[in-house]
């Protein structure tokens, strides 16, 4: 066995510090790469507006002019290659209309979560939903067309520092 002193990089503290530096560098790289995803591929909203509720299933109570039953159901985008919203589930529970959306992501669609609004919002045949994902806010108008399709008109504003321009989309949905 040699009596030569160990070099500083051969000591346990130096090895641990080197591994910690490597882990930190890899984590920073992953975070940086994740920041540059395409807007259509963003994950589900981090926060939904204060309207989000968890309401137990129950019979809906709608007003006389209500068009609730026209909205309620499972809807899929009529364009199977859409890079936007892929499906919408709308349910009526107690006095609330519950809107649940999914957007195109890979390998599976991103769950945007749910939004609740009063059933009375359906009386005029149009409901408005706001999705707040922090750095992206999407305002939508949802209506039933005369041909019984669901139309979702969306305006997205990017509140981050990316410089991306606002975008508008119109998607049409049918019952499967």
N, C-alpha and C. Protein backbone atom coordinates (compact mmCIF):
# COMPACT_ATOMS: atom_id res chain seq x y z
N UNK A 1 0.84 -1.17 0.00
CA UNK A 1 0.00 0.00 0.00
C UNK A 1 0.88 1.23 0.00
N UNK A 2 0.53 2.24 -0.74
CA UNK A 2 1.34 3.44 -0.90
C UNK A 2 1.03 4.45 0.18
N UNK A 3 2.04 5.20 0.63
CA UNK A 3 1.85 6.23 1.63
C UNK A 3 1.61 7.60 1.01
N UNK A 4 1.43 7.63 -0.31
CA UNK A 4 1.18 8.91 -0.98
C UNK A 4 -0.18 9.44 -0.55
N UNK A 5 -0.27 10.75 -0.30
CA UNK A 5 -1.57 11.33 0.08
C UNK A 5 -2.52 11.32 -1.11
N UNK A 6 -3.82 11.19 -0.82
CA UNK A 6 -4.84 11.22 -1.86
C UNK A 6 -4.94 12.63 -2.43
N UNK A 7 -5.18 12.68 -3.73
CA UNK A 7 -5.46 13.97 -4.36
C UNK A 7 -6.83 14.45 -3.88
N UNK A 8 -7.10 15.74 -3.90
CA UNK A 8 -8.34 16.28 -3.35
C UNK A 8 -9.57 15.73 -4.06
N UNK A 9 -9.48 15.44 -5.36
CA UNK A 9 -10.65 14.96 -6.10
C UNK A 9 -10.95 13.49 -5.82
N UNK A 10 -10.08 12.82 -5.07
CA UNK A 10 -10.30 11.43 -4.72
C UNK A 10 -10.91 11.27 -3.34
N UNK A 11 -11.19 12.35 -2.65
CA UNK A 11 -11.78 12.27 -1.31
C UNK A 11 -13.29 12.14 -1.40
N UNK A 12 -13.91 11.58 -0.38
CA UNK A 12 -15.35 11.38 -0.36
C UNK A 12 -16.12 12.70 -0.48
N UNK A 13 -15.76 13.77 0.23
CA UNK A 13 -16.50 15.03 0.06
C UNK A 13 -16.43 15.57 -1.37
N UNK A 14 -15.31 15.41 -2.04
CA UNK A 14 -15.18 15.90 -3.42
C UNK A 14 -16.05 15.07 -4.36
N UNK A 15 -16.10 13.77 -4.15
CA UNK A 15 -16.93 12.90 -4.98
C UNK A 15 -18.41 13.25 -4.79
N UNK A 16 -18.85 13.45 -3.55
CA UNK A 16 -20.24 13.82 -3.27
C UNK A 16 -20.56 15.17 -3.89
N UNK A 17 -19.66 16.14 -3.76
CA UNK A 17 -19.88 17.46 -4.36
C UNK A 17 -19.97 17.36 -5.88
N UNK A 18 -19.16 16.52 -6.48
CA UNK A 18 -19.20 16.33 -7.93
C UNK A 18 -20.52 15.73 -8.38
N UNK A 19 -21.02 14.74 -7.66
CA UNK A 19 -22.30 14.13 -8.00
C UNK A 19 -23.45 15.12 -7.83
N UNK A 20 -23.41 15.91 -6.76
CA UNK A 20 -24.45 16.92 -6.54
C UNK A 20 -24.46 17.94 -7.67
N UNK A 21 -23.29 18.34 -8.13
CA UNK A 21 -23.19 19.29 -9.24
C UNK A 21 -23.78 18.69 -10.51
N UNK A 22 -23.50 17.43 -10.76
CA UNK A 22 -24.02 16.75 -11.94
C UNK A 22 -25.55 16.67 -11.89
N UNK A 23 -26.12 16.30 -10.76
CA UNK A 23 -27.57 16.22 -10.60
C UNK A 23 -28.22 17.59 -10.81
N UNK A 24 -27.60 18.64 -10.24
CA UNK A 24 -28.12 20.00 -10.39
C UNK A 24 -28.09 20.43 -11.86
N UNK A 25 -27.03 20.12 -12.57
CA UNK A 25 -26.91 20.49 -13.98
C UNK A 25 -27.97 19.79 -14.82
N UNK A 26 -28.19 18.51 -14.59
CA UNK A 26 -29.19 17.75 -15.35
C UNK A 26 -30.59 18.29 -15.05
N UNK A 27 -30.90 18.58 -13.78
CA UNK A 27 -32.20 19.14 -13.42
C UNK A 27 -32.43 20.48 -14.10
N UNK A 28 -31.41 21.35 -14.09
CA UNK A 28 -31.53 22.64 -14.76
C UNK A 28 -31.78 22.49 -16.24
N UNK A 29 -31.12 21.54 -16.88
CA UNK A 29 -31.31 21.29 -18.30
C UNK A 29 -32.73 20.83 -18.59
N UNK A 30 -33.25 19.91 -17.78
CA UNK A 30 -34.62 19.43 -17.97
C UNK A 30 -35.63 20.56 -17.81
N UNK A 31 -35.44 21.41 -16.82
CA UNK A 31 -36.35 22.54 -16.63
C UNK A 31 -36.29 23.48 -17.81
N UNK A 32 -35.09 23.78 -18.29
CA UNK A 32 -34.94 24.69 -19.44
C UNK A 32 -35.61 24.12 -20.69
N UNK A 33 -35.43 22.86 -20.96
CA UNK A 33 -36.04 22.23 -22.12
C UNK A 33 -37.57 22.24 -21.99
N UNK A 34 -38.07 22.00 -20.81
CA UNK A 34 -39.52 21.96 -20.57
C UNK A 34 -40.17 23.33 -20.79
N UNK A 35 -39.44 24.41 -20.63
CA UNK A 35 -39.98 25.75 -20.81
C UNK A 35 -40.29 26.07 -22.27
N UNK A 36 -39.72 25.34 -23.21
CA UNK A 36 -39.87 25.66 -24.61
C UNK A 36 -40.81 24.72 -25.35
N UNK A 37 -41.79 24.13 -24.65
CA UNK A 37 -42.78 23.29 -25.30
C UNK A 37 -43.67 24.15 -26.18
N UNK A 38 -44.26 23.57 -27.22
CA UNK A 38 -45.21 24.29 -28.05
C UNK A 38 -46.45 24.60 -27.22
N UNK A 39 -47.12 25.75 -27.43
CA UNK A 39 -48.28 26.13 -26.63
C UNK A 39 -49.38 25.09 -26.64
N UNK A 40 -49.62 24.43 -27.80
CA UNK A 40 -50.69 23.44 -27.86
C UNK A 40 -50.39 22.20 -27.03
N UNK A 41 -49.15 22.01 -26.66
CA UNK A 41 -48.76 20.82 -25.93
C UNK A 41 -48.61 21.07 -24.44
N UNK A 42 -49.02 22.25 -23.97
CA UNK A 42 -48.84 22.57 -22.56
C UNK A 42 -49.67 21.64 -21.69
N UNK A 43 -49.21 21.45 -20.52
CA UNK A 43 -49.91 20.59 -19.58
C UNK A 43 -51.22 21.23 -19.17
N UNK A 44 -52.02 20.48 -18.48
CA UNK A 44 -53.30 20.98 -17.99
C UNK A 44 -53.09 22.21 -17.12
N UNK A 45 -54.10 23.06 -17.02
CA UNK A 45 -53.94 24.26 -16.21
C UNK A 45 -53.52 23.94 -14.79
N UNK A 46 -52.58 24.72 -14.30
CA UNK A 46 -52.09 24.52 -12.94
C UNK A 46 -53.14 24.92 -11.93
N UNK A 47 -53.90 25.95 -12.25
CA UNK A 47 -54.98 26.36 -11.37
C UNK A 47 -56.19 26.68 -12.20
N UNK A 48 -57.30 26.30 -11.71
CA UNK A 48 -58.57 26.62 -12.35
C UNK A 48 -59.16 27.76 -11.54
N UNK A 49 -59.98 28.56 -12.16
CA UNK A 49 -60.53 29.72 -11.45
C UNK A 49 -61.29 29.30 -10.21
N UNK A 50 -61.65 30.27 -9.41
CA UNK A 50 -62.32 29.99 -8.14
C UNK A 50 -63.68 29.34 -8.32
N UNK A 51 -64.15 29.23 -9.57
CA UNK A 51 -65.45 28.61 -9.81
C UNK A 51 -65.39 27.08 -9.73
N UNK A 52 -64.23 26.49 -9.65
CA UNK A 52 -64.10 25.04 -9.65
C UNK A 52 -64.79 24.46 -8.42
N UNK A 53 -65.59 23.42 -8.64
CA UNK A 53 -66.27 22.77 -7.53
C UNK A 53 -66.26 21.27 -7.73
N UNK A 54 -66.48 20.57 -6.65
CA UNK A 54 -66.68 19.14 -6.68
C UNK A 54 -68.10 18.91 -6.16
N UNK A 55 -69.04 18.75 -7.08
CA UNK A 55 -70.43 18.61 -6.71
C UNK A 55 -70.85 17.16 -6.88
N UNK A 56 -71.52 16.57 -5.88
CA UNK A 56 -71.97 15.20 -6.05
C UNK A 56 -73.02 15.09 -7.14
N UNK A 57 -73.05 13.95 -7.82
CA UNK A 57 -74.02 13.74 -8.89
C UNK A 57 -75.42 13.83 -8.33
N UNK A 58 -76.26 14.53 -9.05
CA UNK A 58 -77.63 14.71 -8.62
C UNK A 58 -78.43 15.22 -9.79
N UNK A 59 -79.72 15.26 -9.63
CA UNK A 59 -80.58 15.76 -10.68
C UNK A 59 -80.42 17.27 -10.81
N UNK A 60 -80.43 17.76 -12.03
CA UNK A 60 -80.29 19.19 -12.27
C UNK A 60 -81.65 19.86 -12.17
N UNK A 61 -81.65 21.09 -11.69
CA UNK A 61 -82.88 21.87 -11.64
C UNK A 61 -82.70 23.05 -12.57
N UNK A 62 -83.39 23.03 -13.70
CA UNK A 62 -83.24 24.05 -14.71
C UNK A 62 -84.48 24.92 -14.79
N UNK A 63 -84.27 26.16 -15.22
CA UNK A 63 -85.38 27.10 -15.38
C UNK A 63 -86.16 26.79 -16.64
N UNK A 64 -87.27 27.52 -16.82
CA UNK A 64 -88.16 27.28 -17.95
C UNK A 64 -87.47 27.51 -19.29
N UNK A 65 -86.62 28.54 -19.40
CA UNK A 65 -85.96 28.85 -20.66
C UNK A 65 -84.64 28.13 -20.83
N UNK A 66 -84.33 27.24 -19.95
CA UNK A 66 -83.03 26.59 -19.94
C UNK A 66 -82.85 25.66 -21.14
N UNK A 67 -81.62 25.65 -21.64
CA UNK A 67 -81.26 24.76 -22.74
C UNK A 67 -80.22 23.75 -22.27
N UNK A 68 -80.26 23.42 -20.99
CA UNK A 68 -79.27 22.54 -20.38
C UNK A 68 -79.13 21.23 -21.13
N UNK A 69 -80.25 20.59 -21.44
CA UNK A 69 -80.19 19.27 -22.06
C UNK A 69 -79.50 19.27 -23.42
N UNK A 70 -79.49 20.43 -24.10
CA UNK A 70 -78.79 20.51 -25.38
C UNK A 70 -77.27 20.46 -25.19
N UNK A 71 -76.79 20.96 -24.05
CA UNK A 71 -75.36 20.99 -23.78
C UNK A 71 -74.84 19.69 -23.17
N UNK A 72 -75.64 19.06 -22.33
CA UNK A 72 -75.18 17.90 -21.56
C UNK A 72 -74.84 16.73 -22.48
N UNK A 73 -73.67 16.14 -22.23
CA UNK A 73 -73.27 14.96 -22.98
C UNK A 73 -71.77 14.88 -23.17
N UNK A 74 -71.36 13.85 -23.89
CA UNK A 74 -69.95 13.63 -24.23
C UNK A 74 -69.77 14.10 -25.67
N UNK A 75 -68.79 14.95 -25.89
CA UNK A 75 -68.55 15.54 -27.20
C UNK A 75 -67.10 15.27 -27.62
N UNK A 76 -66.90 14.96 -28.91
CA UNK A 76 -65.54 14.78 -29.42
C UNK A 76 -65.34 15.72 -30.60
N UNK A 77 -64.11 16.20 -30.75
CA UNK A 77 -63.79 17.12 -31.84
C UNK A 77 -64.05 16.41 -33.16
N UNK A 78 -64.79 17.09 -34.06
CA UNK A 78 -65.10 16.45 -35.34
C UNK A 78 -63.87 16.31 -36.22
N UNK A 79 -62.78 17.01 -35.89
CA UNK A 79 -61.52 16.88 -36.60
C UNK A 79 -60.60 16.00 -35.76
N UNK A 80 -60.43 14.73 -36.12
CA UNK A 80 -59.60 13.83 -35.31
C UNK A 80 -58.13 14.24 -35.28
N UNK A 81 -57.70 15.09 -36.20
CA UNK A 81 -56.30 15.54 -36.24
C UNK A 81 -56.10 16.89 -35.56
N UNK A 82 -57.12 17.35 -34.84
CA UNK A 82 -57.02 18.66 -34.19
C UNK A 82 -55.87 18.69 -33.20
N UNK A 83 -55.17 19.82 -33.17
CA UNK A 83 -54.09 20.04 -32.21
C UNK A 83 -54.59 20.87 -31.04
N UNK A 84 -55.90 21.01 -30.90
CA UNK A 84 -56.48 21.84 -29.84
C UNK A 84 -57.30 20.97 -28.88
N UNK A 85 -58.48 21.43 -28.52
CA UNK A 85 -59.36 20.68 -27.62
C UNK A 85 -59.82 19.42 -28.35
N UNK A 86 -59.71 18.27 -27.70
CA UNK A 86 -60.06 17.00 -28.33
C UNK A 86 -61.43 16.48 -27.90
N UNK A 87 -61.78 16.73 -26.63
CA UNK A 87 -63.10 16.28 -26.18
C UNK A 87 -63.60 17.15 -25.04
N UNK A 88 -64.92 17.16 -24.91
CA UNK A 88 -65.60 17.96 -23.90
C UNK A 88 -66.69 17.09 -23.28
N UNK A 89 -66.74 17.07 -21.96
CA UNK A 89 -67.83 16.42 -21.25
C UNK A 89 -68.59 17.51 -20.51
N UNK A 90 -69.90 17.54 -20.68
CA UNK A 90 -70.72 18.53 -19.98
C UNK A 90 -71.79 17.78 -19.21
N UNK A 91 -71.92 18.15 -17.94
CA UNK A 91 -72.88 17.48 -17.06
C UNK A 91 -73.63 18.55 -16.27
N UNK A 92 -74.83 18.23 -15.86
CA UNK A 92 -75.62 19.12 -15.00
C UNK A 92 -75.81 18.44 -13.66
N UNK A 93 -75.38 19.12 -12.60
CA UNK A 93 -75.50 18.58 -11.25
C UNK A 93 -76.06 19.66 -10.36
N UNK A 94 -77.15 19.33 -9.67
CA UNK A 94 -77.86 20.31 -8.86
C UNK A 94 -78.14 21.55 -9.70
N UNK A 95 -77.64 22.71 -9.32
CA UNK A 95 -77.90 23.94 -10.08
C UNK A 95 -76.66 24.38 -10.85
N UNK A 96 -75.76 23.46 -11.15
CA UNK A 96 -74.49 23.78 -11.81
C UNK A 96 -74.33 23.02 -13.13
N UNK A 97 -73.74 23.70 -14.11
CA UNK A 97 -73.31 23.06 -15.33
C UNK A 97 -71.81 22.82 -15.17
N UNK A 98 -71.37 21.58 -15.34
CA UNK A 98 -69.97 21.21 -15.15
C UNK A 98 -69.37 20.95 -16.54
N UNK A 99 -68.34 21.72 -16.89
CA UNK A 99 -67.66 21.57 -18.18
C UNK A 99 -66.27 21.00 -17.91
N UNK A 100 -65.95 19.90 -18.59
CA UNK A 100 -64.66 19.21 -18.43
C UNK A 100 -64.05 19.10 -19.83
N UNK A 101 -62.79 19.57 -19.97
CA UNK A 101 -62.15 19.56 -21.29
C UNK A 101 -60.80 18.87 -21.26
N UNK A 102 -60.43 18.35 -22.45
CA UNK A 102 -59.12 17.75 -22.68
C UNK A 102 -58.54 18.35 -23.95
N UNK A 103 -57.22 18.58 -23.96
CA UNK A 103 -56.53 19.13 -25.12
C UNK A 103 -55.49 18.14 -25.62
N UNK A 104 -55.11 18.31 -26.87
CA UNK A 104 -54.14 17.42 -27.51
C UNK A 104 -52.77 17.54 -26.84
N UNK A 105 -52.26 16.44 -26.35
CA UNK A 105 -50.92 16.31 -25.79
C UNK A 105 -50.42 14.92 -26.18
N UNK A 106 -49.15 14.69 -25.98
CA UNK A 106 -48.59 13.38 -26.31
C UNK A 106 -47.91 12.80 -25.09
N UNK A 107 -48.05 11.56 -24.75
CA UNK A 107 -48.73 10.52 -25.52
C UNK A 107 -50.25 10.48 -25.26
N UNK A 108 -50.72 11.11 -24.19
CA UNK A 108 -52.16 11.14 -23.92
C UNK A 108 -52.61 12.60 -23.83
N UNK A 109 -53.91 12.81 -24.00
CA UNK A 109 -54.45 14.16 -23.94
C UNK A 109 -54.30 14.77 -22.55
N UNK A 110 -54.13 16.09 -22.51
CA UNK A 110 -54.01 16.83 -21.25
C UNK A 110 -55.40 17.12 -20.69
N UNK A 111 -55.59 16.84 -19.44
CA UNK A 111 -56.86 17.09 -18.75
C UNK A 111 -56.85 18.52 -18.24
N UNK A 112 -57.73 19.36 -18.77
CA UNK A 112 -57.81 20.75 -18.34
C UNK A 112 -58.58 20.90 -17.04
N UNK A 113 -59.22 19.84 -16.58
CA UNK A 113 -60.00 19.94 -15.35
C UNK A 113 -61.44 20.33 -15.64
N UNK A 114 -62.11 20.83 -14.61
CA UNK A 114 -63.52 21.19 -14.75
C UNK A 114 -63.77 22.64 -14.36
N UNK A 115 -64.83 23.18 -14.92
CA UNK A 115 -65.32 24.51 -14.56
C UNK A 115 -66.81 24.36 -14.29
N UNK A 116 -67.29 25.06 -13.29
CA UNK A 116 -68.70 25.04 -12.94
C UNK A 116 -69.30 26.41 -13.18
N UNK A 117 -70.53 26.41 -13.71
CA UNK A 117 -71.25 27.65 -13.88
C UNK A 117 -72.72 27.42 -13.61
N UNK A 118 -73.45 28.47 -13.31
CA UNK A 118 -74.88 28.30 -13.02
C UNK A 118 -75.64 27.76 -14.23
N UNK A 119 -76.61 26.89 -13.98
CA UNK A 119 -77.42 26.36 -15.07
C UNK A 119 -78.11 27.48 -15.84
N UNK A 120 -78.43 28.56 -15.16
CA UNK A 120 -79.13 29.67 -15.81
C UNK A 120 -78.30 30.28 -16.93
N UNK A 121 -76.98 30.05 -16.94
CA UNK A 121 -76.14 30.57 -18.02
C UNK A 121 -76.49 29.95 -19.37
N UNK A 122 -77.18 28.81 -19.36
CA UNK A 122 -77.54 28.15 -20.62
C UNK A 122 -78.82 28.73 -21.23
N UNK A 123 -79.53 29.59 -20.51
CA UNK A 123 -80.83 30.10 -20.98
C UNK A 123 -80.75 30.76 -22.35
N UNK A 124 -79.65 31.44 -22.65
CA UNK A 124 -79.52 32.13 -23.94
C UNK A 124 -78.81 31.27 -24.98
N UNK A 125 -78.49 30.05 -24.63
CA UNK A 125 -77.88 29.14 -25.59
C UNK A 125 -76.37 29.28 -25.73
N UNK A 126 -75.76 30.11 -24.90
CA UNK A 126 -74.30 30.32 -24.94
C UNK A 126 -73.79 30.34 -23.50
N UNK A 127 -72.69 29.61 -23.26
CA UNK A 127 -72.06 29.68 -21.94
C UNK A 127 -70.61 30.12 -22.13
N UNK A 128 -70.10 30.82 -21.13
CA UNK A 128 -68.71 31.28 -21.17
C UNK A 128 -67.91 30.61 -20.07
N UNK A 129 -66.74 30.13 -20.45
CA UNK A 129 -65.85 29.43 -19.52
C UNK A 129 -64.47 30.07 -19.61
N UNK A 130 -63.82 30.19 -18.47
CA UNK A 130 -62.47 30.77 -18.40
C UNK A 130 -61.53 29.76 -17.77
N UNK A 131 -60.44 29.45 -18.45
CA UNK A 131 -59.41 28.53 -17.98
C UNK A 131 -58.15 29.34 -17.69
N UNK A 132 -57.65 29.29 -16.47
CA UNK A 132 -56.46 30.04 -16.09
C UNK A 132 -55.34 29.08 -15.75
N UNK A 133 -54.34 29.03 -16.63
CA UNK A 133 -53.19 28.14 -16.40
C UNK A 133 -51.97 28.95 -15.96
N UNK A 134 -52.20 30.12 -15.40
CA UNK A 134 -51.09 30.94 -14.93
C UNK A 134 -50.47 31.75 -16.06
N UNK A 135 -49.67 31.10 -16.88
CA UNK A 135 -49.02 31.82 -17.98
C UNK A 135 -49.86 31.84 -19.25
N UNK A 136 -51.04 31.20 -19.19
CA UNK A 136 -51.95 31.16 -20.34
C UNK A 136 -53.37 31.23 -19.81
N UNK A 137 -54.17 32.17 -20.34
CA UNK A 137 -55.56 32.31 -19.94
C UNK A 137 -56.41 32.15 -21.20
N UNK A 138 -57.36 31.21 -21.16
CA UNK A 138 -58.22 30.97 -22.31
C UNK A 138 -59.67 31.26 -21.92
N UNK A 139 -60.30 32.13 -22.69
CA UNK A 139 -61.72 32.47 -22.52
C UNK A 139 -62.47 31.81 -23.67
N UNK A 140 -63.54 31.06 -23.34
CA UNK A 140 -64.28 30.34 -24.38
C UNK A 140 -65.76 30.67 -24.32
N UNK A 141 -66.38 30.67 -25.50
CA UNK A 141 -67.83 30.70 -25.62
C UNK A 141 -68.24 29.37 -26.22
N UNK A 142 -69.21 28.73 -25.57
CA UNK A 142 -69.67 27.41 -26.01
C UNK A 142 -71.14 27.55 -26.37
N UNK A 143 -71.50 27.06 -27.57
CA UNK A 143 -72.90 27.15 -27.99
C UNK A 143 -73.30 25.92 -28.79
N UNK A 144 -74.59 25.67 -28.84
CA UNK A 144 -75.13 24.59 -29.66
C UNK A 144 -75.59 25.22 -30.98
N UNK A 145 -75.12 24.65 -32.09
CA UNK A 145 -75.49 25.15 -33.41
C UNK A 145 -76.80 24.51 -33.87
N UNK A 146 -77.46 25.11 -34.87
CA UNK A 146 -78.72 24.53 -35.37
C UNK A 146 -78.57 23.09 -35.85
N UNK A 147 -77.37 22.70 -36.33
CA UNK A 147 -77.17 21.32 -36.79
C UNK A 147 -76.81 20.38 -35.63
N UNK A 148 -76.97 20.85 -34.37
CA UNK A 148 -76.78 20.06 -33.13
C UNK A 148 -75.31 19.83 -32.77
N UNK A 149 -74.38 20.48 -33.47
CA UNK A 149 -72.97 20.40 -33.09
C UNK A 149 -72.70 21.40 -31.97
N UNK A 150 -71.64 21.13 -31.23
CA UNK A 150 -71.18 22.04 -30.18
C UNK A 150 -70.05 22.88 -30.78
N UNK A 151 -70.17 24.20 -30.66
CA UNK A 151 -69.12 25.09 -31.15
C UNK A 151 -68.40 25.69 -29.94
N UNK A 152 -67.06 25.62 -29.96
CA UNK A 152 -66.25 26.22 -28.90
C UNK A 152 -65.35 27.25 -29.55
N UNK A 153 -65.60 28.53 -29.22
CA UNK A 153 -64.79 29.63 -29.74
C UNK A 153 -63.89 30.08 -28.59
N UNK A 154 -62.58 30.01 -28.81
CA UNK A 154 -61.64 30.32 -27.74
C UNK A 154 -60.67 31.42 -28.10
N UNK A 155 -60.35 32.23 -27.11
CA UNK A 155 -59.31 33.26 -27.23
C UNK A 155 -58.30 33.01 -26.12
N UNK A 156 -57.04 32.81 -26.50
CA UNK A 156 -55.97 32.54 -25.53
C UNK A 156 -55.02 33.73 -25.47
N UNK A 157 -54.78 34.18 -24.24
CA UNK A 157 -53.81 35.25 -23.99
C UNK A 157 -52.64 34.65 -23.21
N UNK A 158 -51.41 34.89 -23.72
CA UNK A 158 -50.22 34.39 -23.06
C UNK A 158 -49.67 35.48 -22.15
N UNK A 159 -49.66 35.21 -20.85
CA UNK A 159 -49.25 36.19 -19.86
C UNK A 159 -47.79 36.03 -19.45
N UNK A 160 -47.07 35.15 -20.12
CA UNK A 160 -45.66 34.95 -19.79
C UNK A 160 -44.80 35.91 -20.61
N UNK A 161 -43.51 35.78 -20.49
CA UNK A 161 -42.57 36.67 -21.18
C UNK A 161 -42.12 36.08 -22.53
N UNK A 162 -42.86 35.12 -23.07
CA UNK A 162 -42.43 34.44 -24.30
C UNK A 162 -42.60 35.30 -25.54
N UNK A 163 -43.46 36.30 -25.49
CA UNK A 163 -43.72 37.12 -26.66
C UNK A 163 -44.69 36.49 -27.64
N UNK A 164 -45.27 35.34 -27.28
CA UNK A 164 -46.23 34.69 -28.17
C UNK A 164 -47.46 35.58 -28.35
N UNK A 165 -47.96 35.72 -29.56
CA UNK A 165 -49.16 36.52 -29.75
C UNK A 165 -50.40 35.76 -29.27
N UNK A 166 -51.44 36.52 -28.92
CA UNK A 166 -52.70 35.89 -28.56
C UNK A 166 -53.19 35.06 -29.74
N UNK A 167 -54.02 34.05 -29.44
CA UNK A 167 -54.53 33.20 -30.52
C UNK A 167 -56.04 32.99 -30.35
N UNK A 168 -56.68 32.77 -31.48
CA UNK A 168 -58.11 32.50 -31.52
C UNK A 168 -58.32 31.16 -32.23
N UNK A 169 -59.25 30.37 -31.71
CA UNK A 169 -59.57 29.08 -32.33
C UNK A 169 -61.07 28.84 -32.28
N UNK A 170 -61.54 28.15 -33.30
CA UNK A 170 -62.93 27.70 -33.33
C UNK A 170 -62.88 26.20 -33.57
N UNK A 171 -63.52 25.43 -32.69
CA UNK A 171 -63.58 23.98 -32.82
C UNK A 171 -65.03 23.53 -32.78
N UNK A 172 -65.33 22.47 -33.52
CA UNK A 172 -66.68 21.92 -33.56
C UNK A 172 -66.65 20.49 -33.05
N UNK A 173 -67.67 20.16 -32.27
CA UNK A 173 -67.73 18.86 -31.61
C UNK A 173 -69.04 18.17 -31.93
N UNK A 174 -68.98 16.85 -31.99
CA UNK A 174 -70.16 16.02 -32.22
C UNK A 174 -70.26 14.98 -31.12
N UNK A 175 -71.45 14.47 -30.94
CA UNK A 175 -71.62 13.38 -29.98
C UNK A 175 -71.15 12.09 -30.64
N UNK A 176 -70.34 11.30 -29.92
CA UNK A 176 -69.84 10.04 -30.53
C UNK A 176 -70.94 9.02 -30.73
